[in-house]
Amino acid sequence: MNQIYTVVPSPVGELLLGGVETRLRRVAFMGEGTKRPPLVIDPHWQRDDDAFPDARAQLNEYFAGSRHEFDIELDLIGTEWELKVWNALLQIPYGETRSYGAIATEVCTIAAARAVGLANARNPVALIVPCHRVIGAGGNLTGYGGGLERKRSLLDLESGRLALV
């Protein structure tokens, strides 16, 4: 299995796209503003700047405001719980948000809101699996691996309050 990656520019900073063949496993923010430690690219991965042309095109359309849903082949790897949460995130419509508690209720029980937050934090495919659409119970912005400024920019883009390109 040949793992490949590319780095693409975006209005919210460089994005690393990684995966196997045409299947996307990773979309991650690079550089400043992220809450996570600096991204380390696996030395076994091969850089291919022609990789993932569909994902690159669809991300450009998203940032231009003309794409509201992604149609990209994903290869998500996670626990059964994480996959349940990520699939629930995929159901949040463009321009809408859900609380951690609402996602927990959807996948099991309200008592699991913190577990939803942990699964959200482990989302390997930022933007495509829209973890930025999950907010705190009071409507406040909480926790985002890409940083709260990026989260606000993405939500503003989706609500029509901001054009990023």
C-alpha atoms as a PDB file:
ATOM      1  CA  MET A   1       0.000   0.000   0.000  1.00  0.00           C
ATOM      2  CA  ASN A   2       1.582   3.210  -1.202  1.00  0.00           C
ATOM      3  CA  GLN A   3       0.753   6.116   1.097  1.00  0.00           C
ATOM      4  CA  ILE A   4       0.924   9.484  -0.594  1.00  0.00           C
ATOM      5  CA  TYR A   5       0.408  13.092   0.389  1.00  0.00           C
ATOM      6  CA  THR A   6       0.366  16.585  -0.970  1.00  0.00           C
ATOM      7  CA  VAL A   7       0.263  20.028   0.572  1.00  0.00           C
ATOM      8  CA  VAL A   8      -2.209  22.530  -0.855  1.00  0.00           C
ATOM      9  CA  PRO A   9      -2.835  26.185  -0.122  1.00  0.00           C
ATOM     10  CA  SER A  10      -6.198  27.334   1.205  1.00  0.00           C
ATOM     11  CA  PRO A  11      -7.627  30.581   2.538  1.00  0.00           C
ATOM     12  CA  VAL A  12      -7.283  29.202   6.077  1.00  0.00           C
ATOM     13  CA  GLY A  13      -3.691  28.008   5.700  1.00  0.00           C
ATOM     14  CA  GLU A  14      -1.902  25.105   4.100  1.00  0.00           C
ATOM     15  CA  LEU A  15      -3.632  21.733   4.177  1.00  0.00           C
ATOM     16  CA  LEU A  16      -2.006  18.328   4.114  1.00  0.00           C
ATOM     17  CA  LEU A  17      -3.970  15.756   2.117  1.00  0.00           C
ATOM     18  CA  GLY A  18      -2.866  12.172   2.614  1.00  0.00           C
ATOM     19  CA  GLY A  19      -4.098   8.716   1.829  1.00  0.00           C
ATOM     20  CA  VAL A  20      -3.734   5.561  -0.214  1.00  0.00           C
ATOM     21  CA  GLU A  21      -4.172   5.682  -3.992  1.00  0.00           C
ATOM     22  CA  THR A  22      -7.315   7.815  -4.499  1.00  0.00           C
ATOM     23  CA  ARG A  23      -8.733   7.240  -0.992  1.00  0.00           C
ATOM     24  CA  LEU A  24      -8.306  10.180   1.356  1.00  0.00           C
ATOM     25  CA  ARG A  25      -7.324   9.358   4.934  1.00  0.00           C
ATOM     26  CA  ARG A  26      -6.101  12.711   6.128  1.00  0.00           C
ATOM     27  CA  VAL A  27      -6.870  16.408   5.756  1.00  0.00           C
ATOM     28  CA  ALA A  28      -4.960  18.408   8.320  1.00  0.00           C
ATOM     29  CA  PHE A  29      -4.132  22.040   8.932  1.00  0.00           C
ATOM     30  CA  MET A  30      -0.467  22.858   8.841  1.00  0.00           C
ATOM     31  CA  GLY A  31       1.433  25.723  10.373  1.00  0.00           C
ATOM     32  CA  GLU A  32       0.406  28.359  12.859  1.00  0.00           C
ATOM     33  CA  GLY A  33      -2.961  28.613  14.527  1.00  0.00           C
ATOM     34  CA  THR A  34      -3.493  24.924  15.196  1.00  0.00           C
ATOM     35  CA  LYS A  35      -4.056  23.648  18.720  1.00  0.00           C
ATOM     36  CA  ARG A  36      -2.198  20.465  17.957  1.00  0.00           C
ATOM     37  CA  PRO A  37       1.557  19.855  17.982  1.00  0.00           C
ATOM     38  CA  PRO A  38       3.292  20.504  14.650  1.00  0.00           C
ATOM     39  CA  LEU A  39       2.260  17.977  12.033  1.00  0.00           C
ATOM     40  CA  VAL A  40       4.945  15.386  11.332  1.00  0.00           C
ATOM     41  CA  ILE A  41       4.727  13.732   7.948  1.00  0.00           C
ATOM     42  CA  ASP A  42       5.488  10.030   8.074  1.00  0.00           C
ATOM     43  CA  PRO A  43       8.828   9.487   6.305  1.00  0.00           C
ATOM     44  CA  HIS A  44       7.348   6.459   4.513  1.00  0.00           C
ATOM     45  CA  TRP A  45       4.772   8.634   2.782  1.00  0.00           C
ATOM     46  CA  GLN A  46       5.642   9.791  -0.704  1.00  0.00           C
ATOM     47  CA  ARG A  47       4.899  13.321  -1.792  1.00  0.00           C
ATOM     48  CA  ASP A  48       2.834  13.516  -4.971  1.00  0.00           C
ATOM     49  CA  ASP A  49       1.595  16.985  -5.835  1.00  0.00           C
ATOM     50  CA  ASP A  50      -0.748  15.511  -8.446  1.00  0.00           C
ATOM     51  CA  ALA A  51      -2.475  13.365  -5.811  1.00  0.00           C
ATOM     52  CA  PHE A  52      -6.140  13.750  -4.864  1.00  0.00           C
ATOM     53  CA  PRO A  53      -7.224  16.013  -7.747  1.00  0.00           C
ATOM     54  CA  ASP A  54     -10.928  15.585  -6.855  1.00  0.00           C
ATOM     55  CA  ALA A  55     -10.321  16.585  -3.246  1.00  0.00           C
ATOM     56  CA  ARG A  56      -8.240  19.608  -4.272  1.00  0.00           C
ATOM     57  CA  ALA A  57     -10.909  20.762  -6.744  1.00  0.00           C
ATOM     58  CA  GLN A  58     -13.752  20.243  -4.283  1.00  0.00           C
ATOM     59  CA  LEU A  59     -11.917  22.073  -1.505  1.00  0.00           C
ATOM     60  CA  ASN A  60     -11.367  25.024  -3.866  1.00  0.00           C
ATOM     61  CA  GLU A  61     -15.083  25.019  -4.686  1.00  0.00           C
ATOM     62  CA  TYR A  62     -15.935  24.854  -0.979  1.00  0.00           C
ATOM     63  CA  PHE A  63     -13.776  27.875  -0.197  1.00  0.00           C
ATOM     64  CA  ALA A  64     -15.300  29.718  -3.163  1.00  0.00           C
ATOM     65  CA  GLY A  65     -18.741  29.055  -1.652  1.00  0.00           C
ATOM     66  CA  SER A  66     -19.987  26.999  -4.593  1.00  0.00           C
ATOM     67  CA  ARG A  67     -19.731  23.527  -2.983  1.00  0.00           C
ATOM     68  CA  HIS A  68     -21.843  22.595   0.017  1.00  0.00           C
ATOM     69  CA  GLU A  69     -21.244  18.828   0.071  1.00  0.00           C
ATOM     70  CA  PHE A  70     -18.133  16.807  -0.633  1.00  0.00           C
ATOM     71  CA  ASP A  71     -18.116  13.746  -2.862  1.00  0.00           C
ATOM     72  CA  ILE A  72     -14.714  12.305  -2.072  1.00  0.00           C
ATOM     73  CA  GLU A  73     -13.695   8.704  -1.513  1.00  0.00           C
ATOM     74  CA  LEU A  74     -12.668   8.463   2.148  1.00  0.00           C
ATOM     75  CA  ASP A  75     -10.769   5.726   3.931  1.00  0.00           C
ATOM     76  CA  LEU A  76     -11.500   6.568   7.562  1.00  0.00           C
ATOM     77  CA  ILE A  77      -9.633   4.592  10.180  1.00  0.00           C
ATOM     78  CA  GLY A  78     -10.852   4.789  13.765  1.00  0.00           C
ATOM     79  CA  THR A  79     -12.606   2.936  16.528  1.00  0.00           C
ATOM     80  CA  GLU A  80     -16.221   1.860  16.120  1.00  0.00           C
ATOM     81  CA  TRP A  81     -17.257   4.812  18.318  1.00  0.00           C
ATOM     82  CA  GLU A  82     -15.196   7.325  16.342  1.00  0.00           C
ATOM     83  CA  LEU A  83     -16.641   6.085  13.063  1.00  0.00           C
ATOM     84  CA  LYS A  84     -20.187   6.472  14.462  1.00  0.00           C
ATOM     85  CA  VAL A  85     -19.445  10.046  15.505  1.00  0.00           C
ATOM     86  CA  TRP A  86     -17.717  10.936  12.222  1.00  0.00           C
ATOM     87  CA  ASN A  87     -20.660   9.526  10.264  1.00  0.00           C
ATOM     88  CA  ALA A  88     -23.009  11.669  12.366  1.00  0.00           C
ATOM     89  CA  LEU A  89     -20.858  14.720  11.573  1.00  0.00           C
ATOM     90  CA  LEU A  90     -21.237  13.982   7.873  1.00  0.00           C
ATOM     91  CA  GLN A  91     -25.008  14.420   8.327  1.00  0.00           C
ATOM     92  CA  ILE A  92     -24.749  18.029   9.601  1.00  0.00           C
ATOM     93  CA  PRO A  93     -25.871  20.209   6.681  1.00  0.00           C
ATOM     94  CA  TYR A  94     -23.710  22.989   5.302  1.00  0.00           C
ATOM     95  CA  GLY A  95     -24.291  26.207   7.216  1.00  0.00           C
ATOM     96  CA  GLU A  96     -25.731  24.467  10.288  1.00  0.00           C
ATOM     97  CA  THR A  97     -24.236  23.476  13.619  1.00  0.00           C
ATOM     98  CA  ARG A  98     -24.948  20.850  16.251  1.00  0.00           C
ATOM     99  CA  SER A  99     -23.883  20.672  19.872  1.00  0.00           C
ATOM    100  CA  TYR A 100     -21.719  17.888  21.233  1.00  0.00           C
ATOM    101  CA  GLY A 101     -24.751  16.786  23.260  1.00  0.00           C
ATOM    102  CA  ALA A 102     -26.973  16.631  20.171  1.00  0.00           C
ATOM    103  CA  ILE A 103     -24.443  14.422  18.392  1.00  0.00           C
ATOM    104  CA  ALA A 104     -24.175  12.232  21.504  1.00  0.00           C
ATOM    105  CA  THR A 105     -27.963  11.836  21.617  1.00  0.00           C
ATOM    106  CA  GLU A 106     -27.971  10.917  17.951  1.00  0.00           C
ATOM    107  CA  VAL A 107     -25.342   8.196  18.301  1.00  0.00           C
ATOM    108  CA  CYS A 108     -26.237   6.920  21.788  1.00  0.00           C
ATOM    109  CA  THR A 109     -26.897   9.060  24.875  1.00  0.00           C
ATOM    110  CA  ILE A 110     -26.485  12.620  26.155  1.00  0.00           C
ATOM    111  CA  ALA A 111     -24.022  11.366  28.761  1.00  0.00           C
ATOM    112  CA  ALA A 112     -21.540  10.805  25.945  1.00  0.00           C
ATOM    113  CA  ALA A 113     -21.020  14.479  24.996  1.00  0.00           C
ATOM    114  CA  ARG A 114     -17.399  14.406  26.215  1.00  0.00           C
ATOM    115  CA  ALA A 115     -16.750  11.214  24.267  1.00  0.00           C
ATOM    116  CA  VAL A 116     -18.132  12.961  21.169  1.00  0.00           C
ATOM    117  CA  GLY A 117     -15.641  15.761  21.817  1.00  0.00           C
ATOM    118  CA  LEU A 118     -12.782  13.262  21.956  1.00  0.00           C
ATOM    119  CA  ALA A 119     -13.884  11.570  18.730  1.00  0.00           C
ATOM    120  CA  ASN A 120     -14.286  14.997  17.141  1.00  0.00           C
ATOM    121  CA  ALA A 121     -10.719  15.877  18.157  1.00  0.00           C
ATOM    122  CA  ARG A 122      -9.464  12.682  16.508  1.00  0.00           C
ATOM    123  CA  ASN A 123     -11.197  13.388  13.198  1.00  0.00           C
ATOM    124  CA  PRO A 124      -8.457  12.717  10.633  1.00  0.00           C
ATOM    125  CA  VAL A 125     -10.246  14.435   7.741  1.00  0.00           C
ATOM    126  CA  ALA A 126     -10.872  18.054   8.759  1.00  0.00           C
ATOM    127  CA  LEU A 127     -13.308  20.048   6.615  1.00  0.00           C
ATOM    128  CA  ILE A 128     -14.538  16.974   4.703  1.00  0.00           C
ATOM    129  CA  VAL A 129     -15.876  15.431   7.922  1.00  0.00           C
ATOM    130  CA  PRO A 130     -17.172  18.763   9.253  1.00  0.00           C
ATOM    131  CA  CYS A 131     -16.078  18.740  12.891  1.00  0.00           C
ATOM    132  CA  HIS A 132     -15.999  22.550  12.713  1.00  0.00           C
ATOM    133  CA  ARG A 133     -19.831  22.446  12.745  1.00  0.00           C
ATOM    134  CA  VAL A 134     -19.909  21.092  16.313  1.00  0.00           C
ATOM    135  CA  ILE A 135     -20.288  23.746  19.014  1.00  0.00           C
ATOM    136  CA  GLY A 136     -20.829  23.966  22.758  1.00  0.00           C
ATOM    137  CA  ALA A 137     -24.258  23.572  24.345  1.00  0.00           C
ATOM    138  CA  GLY A 138     -24.681  27.329  24.801  1.00  0.00           C
ATOM    139  CA  GLY A 139     -23.795  28.031  21.175  1.00  0.00           C
ATOM    140  CA  ASN A 140     -20.221  28.962  22.011  1.00  0.00           C
ATOM    141  CA  LEU A 141     -17.239  27.901  19.941  1.00  0.00           C
ATOM    142  CA  THR A 142     -15.211  25.286  21.737  1.00  0.00           C
ATOM    143  CA  GLY A 143     -12.285  23.087  20.847  1.00  0.00           C
ATOM    144  CA  TYR A 144     -11.049  22.874  17.295  1.00  0.00           C
ATOM    145  CA  GLY A 145      -7.753  21.303  16.275  1.00  0.00           C
ATOM    146  CA  GLY A 146      -7.345  23.944  13.585  1.00  0.00           C
ATOM    147  CA  GLY A 147      -7.810  26.715  16.152  1.00  0.00           C
ATOM    148  CA  LEU A 148     -10.919  28.692  17.028  1.00  0.00           C
ATOM    149  CA  GLU A 149     -10.105  31.477  14.552  1.00  0.00           C
ATOM    150  CA  ARG A 150     -10.254  28.955  11.698  1.00  0.00           C
ATOM    151  CA  LYS A 151     -13.434  27.433  13.095  1.00  0.00           C
ATOM    152  CA  ARG A 152     -15.084  30.869  13.170  1.00  0.00           C
ATOM    153  CA  SER A 153     -13.902  31.589   9.603  1.00  0.00           C
ATOM    154  CA  LEU A 154     -15.338  28.294   8.334  1.00  0.00           C
ATOM    155  CA  LEU A 155     -18.683  28.834  10.063  1.00  0.00           C
ATOM    156  CA  ASP A 156     -18.799  32.414   8.763  1.00  0.00           C
ATOM    157  CA  LEU A 157     -18.075  31.154   5.242  1.00  0.00           C
ATOM    158  CA  GLU A 158     -20.901  28.630   5.478  1.00  0.00           C
ATOM    159  CA  SER A 159     -23.359  31.185   6.852  1.00  0.00           C
ATOM    160  CA  GLY A 160     -22.593  33.585   4.016  1.00  0.00           C
ATOM    161  CA  ARG A 161     -21.025  36.185   6.300  1.00  0.00           C
ATOM    162  CA  LEU A 162     -17.550  35.796   4.880  1.00  0.00           C
ATOM    163  CA  ALA A 163     -15.973  35.057   1.523  1.00  0.00           C
ATOM    164  CA  LEU A 164     -12.593  33.362   1.926  1.00  0.00           C
ATOM    165  CA  VAL A 165     -11.409  33.582  -1.687  1.00  0.00           C
END
